[in-house]
Amino acid sequence: MSYVDKMFGLGGKTAVVSGGAGVIGTVMSEALLRAGAKVMIWSRSQESVDGALDKMKEVPGSDGRVAGMRVDAGSEDEVEQALQETVSSFTAPDILINGVGGNIGKYRLIEQDMELFEKVLHMNLVAGLMIPTKVFGAYWIENQIKGSIINLTSMASYNPLSGVWAYDAAKSATLNLTMASANEFAEYGIRVNAIAPGFFLGKQNRALLVDQETGEYTERGRAVIAHTPYGRFGEVGELAGATVFLASDKAAGFITGVSIPVDGGYLVHNI
């Protein structure tokens, strides 16, 4: 086994990727699978699960190492049941990716529909962090498993994005709770970290950043590019390396409570 394999290989590990059928979740699932882990993909839609599993078939040696199930991560009962089914299908998971999230619309604060605000907040913070972290943390502590959690923070965790009030609130809280849970779980050997993607084109933000008729950048898209020193949007595959790094006990075993920006320099832009 090479040095790189020893440092970053995830053979013998089992990962659950909640929200694993989304654009970013699929990349993270594939990265863990290629690194040797068994991967269980969770998504609210069976159609999305099936699509992600079709993608995973392209990975050499994936037979018997990847599966999926329909799970609402916003339901504590469903998460607990899905965890037990994952244990039965593979082994006890020791990696959790909290990848559920997204945004709905862009509004002035005084025009924000509060029911929609609560829906986005629930999706990103409750389903996207609190419930899976609570369930897995309790299971790991009870079974003395030194697990690793990777949350998805955002550029909005550091600086608010205009017009997305619930998303801003949820993602700033995700950064805060990543640090808080890392502190609480440290005595059990459980690591909690995060990846903060910059601007990657996906289902949730494509229409905000690219004109769907002309293919040109929107005003917001041009503003993002102007604020990104690399001068482009990220390629979603560029999130794979950070995923494997944080999941590896060898590579990141003394790292907890951090959020790694993968943003083309967005957060260091200056004038």
Foldseek 3Di string as FASTA:
>chain_A
DDPCLVQQADAPAEEEEEVLLFPLNLLLQLLNVLSHAQYEYEAQDPVSQVVSVVVNVPRPPNVLRYYYDYAQLLDLVRLLVVQVVSCVSPRRHQEYELDFAFADDFAAPVPDDVVRLVVRLSRCARSSPPRNCVNSLVVCLVVLRQHEYEGEAEPLLPPNDHRGVSNSVNRVVVLVVQQVVQVVCVVSNHAGEYEYEAADDTPRCPVVAAPPPPRHGDPVVVVSLVLAPQNDHDDSNLCSVVSSQRRGCSNQSPDHSYYHYPHNCNVVGDD
